[in-house]
Amino acid sequence: MNLFRMPRLAQLNVKWTGNHQGNSPLADYEHSNPYFELMMVTEGPVYLKTDSDTLELASGDCFLLLPWERHTAWKRSHEQSGFFWVQFSVTPELIPASLKDLAAVASDQRLETSKQELRIAGDESEFLVLPRHYHPVRRYELLNLFENLHQESGRPHGYFHFRCTLLLGQILHLLAEDLLNREYGSLSAPAAYGTYRQLVNYLNESYSNPISRKSLEDLLNRKYEYLCQIFKKYAGMSILSYVHRLRIQRAQYLLRSSGQEIKEIAESVGFEDSYYFSRLFKRIVGASPTDYRKQAASGGVR
């Protein structure tokens, strides 16, 4: 199965959409364009020939054409045959994927995604796995989205480009999710992951206050040892380390944007001992609070 990876934060841009019926214009001449093009057959068969494939697409089939990929009809279709299509750009571009990538998305071991729950995390890692040629189970939902997309594209007013982008994102997500569920069944996160998310949310909102073993146990109705275990599993660090990083993150902002003294900043983010705060700050950031403030003032940090 030909598969492609698309980063979760990829930038999508709908260029053109269409709804072709019968033979024209696919059968009239050879086509190619500089964008990705996703087709979905409304009524088959549609006889599609590309540089590498000769296909008979059935009703509900989806097919992804690559930029500048030549395509035409290798046989005339019935007049009632037809398909929706959307041309779009994506930055960064889709790259080839494998079944291992799909397995990684499905696996609980791919808990890199869980680190995205952390406020200190970057925005990388997650991606969709998209099929090139696929017959989705949820094809009627997809057809409805394609119809809505085509209608929006034909009514250029207001934020129609934005609405088209949202609809294309839904289409690609539904395709990826349909494939994932077909290969691995309905996926649900373990109960421990729900507890982890509650814990992260609490720490994100309460890090500047004293956080005790008892307060966490009372809040989540779990033993502290268990909470430490699941946090380490999903976050890759201890609860205390995460709290320290949240406090230092806030301190960095205050050092850049305020004239508060370092002792005041330390106290406001939850450290009673300003000397301990300074040592921890240097260990995590790589510079003392004073040096960091000087670098920020000169434009050396953001």
Protein backbone atom coordinates (compact mmCIF):
# COMPACT_ATOMS: atom_id res chain seq x y z
CA MET A 1 0.00 0.00 0.00
CA ASN A 2 1.37 3.42 -0.99
CA LEU A 3 1.28 5.71 2.03
CA PHE A 4 2.29 9.30 2.78
CA ARG A 5 3.08 11.22 5.94
CA MET A 6 1.69 14.67 6.65
CA PRO A 7 2.81 16.55 9.78
CA ARG A 8 -0.06 17.59 12.05
CA LEU A 9 0.95 21.23 11.71
CA ALA A 10 1.33 21.19 7.92
CA GLN A 11 0.01 24.26 6.11
CA LEU A 12 -2.76 23.40 3.65
CA ASN A 13 -3.95 25.61 0.81
CA VAL A 14 -6.88 24.66 -1.44
CA LYS A 15 -6.20 25.77 -5.02
CA TRP A 16 -9.12 24.43 -7.08
CA THR A 17 -11.97 21.97 -6.73
CA GLY A 18 -14.24 20.30 -9.25
CA ASN A 19 -16.98 17.75 -9.81
CA HIS A 20 -16.57 15.97 -13.13
CA GLN A 21 -19.28 13.87 -14.74
CA GLY A 22 -18.90 11.51 -17.70
CA ASN A 23 -15.76 11.48 -19.83
CA SER A 24 -14.92 15.15 -20.10
CA PRO A 25 -12.33 16.42 -19.49
CA LEU A 26 -10.34 13.45 -18.13
CA ALA A 27 -10.63 11.47 -21.35
CA ASP A 28 -9.93 14.39 -23.68
CA TYR A 29 -6.23 14.92 -23.03
CA GLU A 30 -3.37 14.26 -20.61
CA HIS A 31 -3.30 16.34 -17.42
CA SER A 32 -0.67 17.38 -14.89
CA ASN A 33 -0.49 20.23 -12.38
CA PRO A 34 1.97 21.52 -9.77
CA TYR A 35 -0.22 20.55 -6.80
CA PHE A 36 -1.38 17.44 -4.99
CA GLU A 37 -4.78 16.34 -6.23
CA LEU A 38 -7.19 14.15 -4.29
CA MET A 39 -9.98 12.47 -6.24
CA MET A 40 -13.06 10.72 -4.85
CA VAL A 41 -15.30 8.75 -7.20
CA THR A 42 -19.01 9.55 -6.86
CA GLU A 43 -20.09 6.98 -9.45
CA GLY A 44 -17.79 4.38 -10.97
CA PRO A 45 -16.07 3.03 -12.76
CA VAL A 46 -13.55 5.73 -13.59
CA TYR A 47 -10.62 4.53 -15.72
CA LEU A 48 -7.50 6.40 -14.60
CA LYS A 49 -4.01 6.03 -16.02
CA THR A 50 -0.94 7.66 -14.44
CA ASP A 51 2.78 7.29 -15.04
CA SER A 52 2.84 4.29 -12.72
CA ASP A 53 -0.73 2.95 -12.44
CA THR A 54 -3.58 1.81 -14.65
CA LEU A 55 -6.66 1.80 -12.45
CA GLU A 56 -10.36 1.11 -12.50
CA LEU A 57 -11.70 3.23 -9.67
CA ALA A 58 -15.00 2.12 -8.13
CA SER A 59 -17.65 4.27 -6.47
CA GLY A 60 -16.24 5.63 -3.20
CA ASP A 61 -12.60 5.11 -4.17
CA CYS A 62 -10.10 7.85 -3.31
CA PHE A 63 -6.87 8.42 -5.19
CA LEU A 64 -4.06 10.89 -4.49
CA LEU A 65 -2.15 12.32 -7.45
CA LEU A 66 1.29 13.81 -6.85
CA PRO A 67 2.51 17.19 -8.13
CA TRP A 68 3.12 17.11 -11.89
CA GLU A 69 2.03 13.47 -12.10
CA ARG A 70 0.62 12.91 -15.57
CA HIS A 71 -2.85 11.35 -15.70
CA THR A 72 -5.59 10.66 -18.19
CA ALA A 73 -8.34 8.11 -18.90
CA TRP A 74 -7.28 4.82 -20.46
CA LYS A 75 -10.89 3.96 -21.35
CA ARG A 76 -14.04 5.98 -21.78
CA SER A 77 -16.39 5.89 -18.79
CA HIS A 78 -20.17 5.84 -18.68
CA GLU A 79 -21.84 9.23 -18.84
CA GLN A 80 -23.11 8.82 -15.26
CA SER A 81 -19.61 8.17 -13.92
CA GLY A 82 -17.97 11.00 -12.04
CA PHE A 83 -15.69 12.20 -9.27
CA PHE A 84 -14.93 15.11 -6.99
CA TRP A 85 -11.39 16.47 -7.03
CA VAL A 86 -9.42 19.03 -5.05
CA GLN A 87 -6.01 20.43 -5.90
CA PHE A 88 -4.02 21.63 -2.91
CA SER A 89 -0.56 22.57 -1.76
CA VAL A 90 0.88 21.42 1.56
CA THR A 91 3.93 22.72 3.40
CA PRO A 92 6.02 20.77 4.20
CA GLU A 93 5.16 18.41 1.36
CA LEU A 94 3.86 14.90 1.92
CA ILE A 95 6.63 12.32 2.13
CA PRO A 96 6.51 8.56 1.54
CA ALA A 97 5.50 6.51 4.59
CA SER A 98 5.31 2.83 5.46
CA LEU A 99 3.13 0.45 7.43
CA LYS A 100 5.62 0.90 10.27
CA ASP A 101 4.58 4.55 10.49
CA LEU A 102 0.94 3.50 10.68
CA ALA A 103 1.78 0.94 13.35
CA ALA A 104 3.64 3.63 15.28
CA VAL A 105 0.56 5.86 15.30
CA ALA A 106 -1.58 2.97 16.54
CA SER A 107 0.86 1.78 19.17
CA ASP A 108 0.72 2.92 22.78
CA GLN A 109 4.50 2.95 22.54
CA ARG A 110 4.26 6.03 20.34
CA LEU A 111 3.68 8.19 23.33
CA GLU A 112 5.79 10.94 21.87
CA THR A 113 2.31 12.35 21.26
CA SER A 114 1.69 12.39 25.00
CA LYS A 115 4.63 14.75 25.45
CA GLN A 116 2.72 17.27 23.34
CA GLU A 117 0.39 17.64 26.32
CA LEU A 118 3.22 19.33 28.20
CA ARG A 119 3.36 23.12 28.18
CA ILE A 120 7.13 23.03 27.75
CA ALA A 121 6.97 20.78 24.67
CA GLY A 122 7.55 21.85 21.10
CA ASP A 123 5.02 21.36 18.33
CA GLU A 124 6.72 18.61 16.37
CA SER A 125 6.20 14.82 16.14
CA GLU A 126 2.57 13.99 15.31
CA PHE A 127 1.64 13.16 11.75
CA LEU A 128 -1.18 11.69 9.67
CA VAL A 129 -0.65 8.63 7.49
CA LEU A 130 -2.56 9.01 4.23
CA PRO A 131 -3.20 6.32 1.60
CA ARG A 132 -2.67 6.93 -2.11
CA HIS A 133 -5.44 4.57 -3.28
CA TYR A 134 -8.14 3.69 -0.78
CA HIS A 135 -11.78 2.64 -0.45
CA PRO A 136 -12.94 4.17 2.85
CA VAL A 137 -15.58 2.67 5.10
CA ARG A 138 -16.84 6.16 5.96
CA ARG A 139 -17.19 7.11 2.30
CA TYR A 140 -20.57 8.81 2.69
CA GLU A 141 -19.14 11.19 5.27
CA LEU A 142 -16.26 11.89 2.91
CA LEU A 143 -18.57 12.50 -0.02
CA ASN A 144 -20.53 14.99 2.07
CA LEU A 145 -17.32 16.84 2.96
CA PHE A 146 -16.24 16.91 -0.69
CA GLU A 147 -19.62 18.30 -1.69
CA ASN A 148 -19.40 21.01 0.98
CA LEU A 149 -15.85 21.84 -0.10
CA HIS A 150 -16.88 22.14 -3.75
CA GLN A 151 -19.80 24.37 -2.82
CA GLU A 152 -17.63 26.64 -0.66
CA SER A 153 -15.04 26.93 -3.41
CA GLY A 154 -17.76 28.03 -5.81
CA ARG A 155 -18.96 30.80 -3.48
CA PRO A 156 -15.93 33.10 -3.15
CA HIS A 157 -16.92 35.49 -0.38
CA GLY A 158 -15.68 36.37 3.08
CA TYR A 159 -13.27 33.83 4.52
CA PHE A 160 -14.04 31.15 1.94
CA HIS A 161 -10.33 30.20 1.56
CA PHE A 162 -10.19 29.57 5.30
CA ARG A 163 -13.41 27.51 5.21
CA CYS A 164 -12.05 25.46 2.30
CA THR A 165 -8.85 24.77 4.23
CA LEU A 166 -10.84 23.57 7.26
CA LEU A 167 -12.91 21.23 5.07
CA LEU A 168 -9.81 19.82 3.37
CA GLY A 169 -8.28 19.20 6.79
CA GLN A 170 -11.40 17.26 7.80
CA ILE A 171 -11.22 15.21 4.61
CA LEU A 172 -7.57 14.27 5.12
CA HIS A 173 -8.14 13.51 8.80
CA LEU A 174 -11.13 11.29 8.05
CA LEU A 175 -9.15 9.40 5.39
CA ALA A 176 -6.24 8.87 7.78
CA GLU A 177 -8.50 7.84 10.67
CA ASP A 178 -10.51 5.46 8.49
CA LEU A 179 -7.32 3.72 7.38
CA LEU A 180 -6.01 3.52 10.95
CA ASN A 181 -9.26 2.03 12.25
CA ARG A 182 -9.43 -0.46 9.39
CA GLU A 183 -5.93 -1.75 10.09
CA TYR A 184 -6.01 -1.70 13.89
CA GLY A 185 -9.66 -1.53 14.95
CA SER A 186 -11.23 1.18 17.05
CA LEU A 187 -8.48 2.73 19.15
CA SER A 188 -8.97 4.21 22.57
CA ALA A 189 -6.44 5.52 25.04
CA PRO A 190 -5.90 3.58 28.28
CA ALA A 191 -7.50 4.92 31.45
CA ALA A 192 -4.04 5.82 32.74
CA TYR A 193 -3.65 8.29 29.90
CA GLY A 194 -6.79 10.12 30.99
CA THR A 195 -5.36 10.40 34.50
CA TYR A 196 -2.10 11.68 33.05
CA ARG A 197 -3.92 14.41 31.12
CA GLN A 198 -5.79 15.49 34.28
CA LEU A 199 -2.51 15.61 36.15
CA VAL A 200 -0.79 17.68 33.46
CA ASN A 201 -3.69 20.12 33.37
CA TYR A 202 -3.57 20.56 37.14
CA LEU A 203 0.18 21.14 37.15
CA ASN A 204 -0.09 23.62 34.28
CA GLU A 205 -2.55 25.72 36.25
CA SER A 206 -1.11 25.33 39.76
CA TYR A 207 2.67 25.14 39.36
CA SER A 208 3.36 28.42 41.19
CA ASN A 209 1.56 27.18 44.31
CA PRO A 210 2.80 24.53 46.75
CA ILE A 211 2.01 21.09 45.30
CA SER A 212 1.95 18.34 47.90
CA ARG A 213 1.67 14.60 47.70
CA LYS A 214 -1.67 14.76 49.52
CA SER A 215 -3.14 17.44 47.24
CA LEU A 216 -2.44 15.31 44.18
CA GLU A 217 -3.85 12.16 45.77
CA ASP A 218 -7.01 13.96 46.88
CA LEU A 219 -7.52 15.60 43.49
CA LEU A 220 -7.09 12.49 41.34
CA ASN A 221 -8.09 9.80 43.85
CA ARG A 222 -4.90 7.85 43.12
CA LYS A 223 -1.85 6.97 45.16
CA TYR A 224 1.05 9.34 44.70
CA GLU A 225 3.38 6.50 43.66
CA TYR A 226 0.99 5.56 40.83
CA LEU A 227 0.74 9.17 39.67
CA CYS A 228 4.53 9.45 39.61
CA GLN A 229 4.73 6.22 37.61
CA ILE A 230 2.28 7.19 34.88
CA PHE A 231 3.66 10.74 34.64
CA LYS A 232 7.17 9.37 34.11
CA LYS A 233 5.85 6.90 31.52
CA TYR A 234 4.03 9.48 29.40
CA ALA A 235 6.07 12.64 30.01
CA GLY A 236 9.54 11.14 30.25
CA MET A 237 10.34 13.12 33.40
CA SER A 238 9.28 13.32 37.03
CA ILE A 239 6.45 15.46 38.34
CA LEU A 240 8.90 17.63 40.25
CA SER A 241 11.08 18.15 37.16
CA TYR A 242 8.05 19.26 35.18
CA VAL A 243 6.94 21.69 37.90
CA HIS A 244 10.45 23.14 38.01
CA ARG A 245 10.45 23.61 34.23
CA LEU A 246 7.05 25.31 34.31
CA ARG A 247 8.29 27.71 36.97
CA ILE A 248 11.49 28.46 35.06
CA GLN A 249 9.50 28.97 31.87
CA ARG A 250 7.39 31.62 33.63
CA ALA A 251 10.50 33.17 35.17
CA GLN A 252 12.07 33.51 31.71
CA TYR A 253 9.04 35.46 30.54
CA LEU A 254 9.18 37.77 33.59
CA LEU A 255 12.90 38.35 33.16
CA ARG A 256 12.32 39.40 29.55
CA SER A 257 9.20 41.48 30.05
CA SER A 258 9.35 43.03 33.52
CA GLY A 259 11.70 45.00 35.75
CA GLN A 260 11.04 42.85 38.81
CA GLU A 261 13.99 41.88 40.94
CA ILE A 262 15.15 38.29 40.68
CA LYS A 263 14.08 37.56 44.25
CA GLU A 264 10.57 38.81 43.48
CA ILE A 265 10.39 36.70 40.35
CA ALA A 266 11.57 33.62 42.24
CA GLU A 267 8.85 34.06 44.84
CA SER A 268 6.13 34.74 42.26
CA VAL A 269 6.80 31.48 40.44
CA GLY A 270 6.90 29.36 43.60
CA PHE A 271 10.49 29.41 44.95
CA GLU A 272 11.01 30.64 48.50
CA ASP A 273 14.80 30.37 48.19
CA SER A 274 16.10 32.73 45.49
CA TYR A 275 19.55 31.15 45.57
CA TYR A 276 18.10 27.72 44.83
CA PHE A 277 16.03 29.33 42.08
CA SER A 278 19.14 30.84 40.48
CA ARG A 279 21.03 27.53 40.58
CA LEU A 280 18.10 25.66 39.07
CA PHE A 281 17.56 28.36 36.44
CA LYS A 282 21.17 28.11 35.28
CA ARG A 283 21.02 24.32 35.18
CA ILE A 284 17.89 24.32 32.99
CA VAL A 285 18.48 27.42 30.84
CA GLY A 286 22.26 27.41 30.66
CA ALA A 287 22.64 30.97 31.97
CA SER A 288 22.02 32.68 35.28
CA PRO A 289 18.89 34.82 35.63
CA THR A 290 21.01 37.99 35.48
CA ASP A 291 22.84 36.90 32.33
CA TYR A 292 19.61 35.73 30.74
CA ARG A 293 18.01 39.12 31.33
CA LYS A 294 21.02 40.88 29.75
CA GLN A 295 20.89 38.56 26.72
CA ALA A 296 17.14 39.19 26.36
CA ALA A 297 17.67 42.96 26.54
CA SER A 298 20.23 42.76 23.71
CA GLY A 299 17.94 40.63 21.57
CA GLY A 300 19.92 37.45 22.12
CA VAL A 301 16.95 35.39 23.37
CA ARG A 302 13.19 35.31 22.85
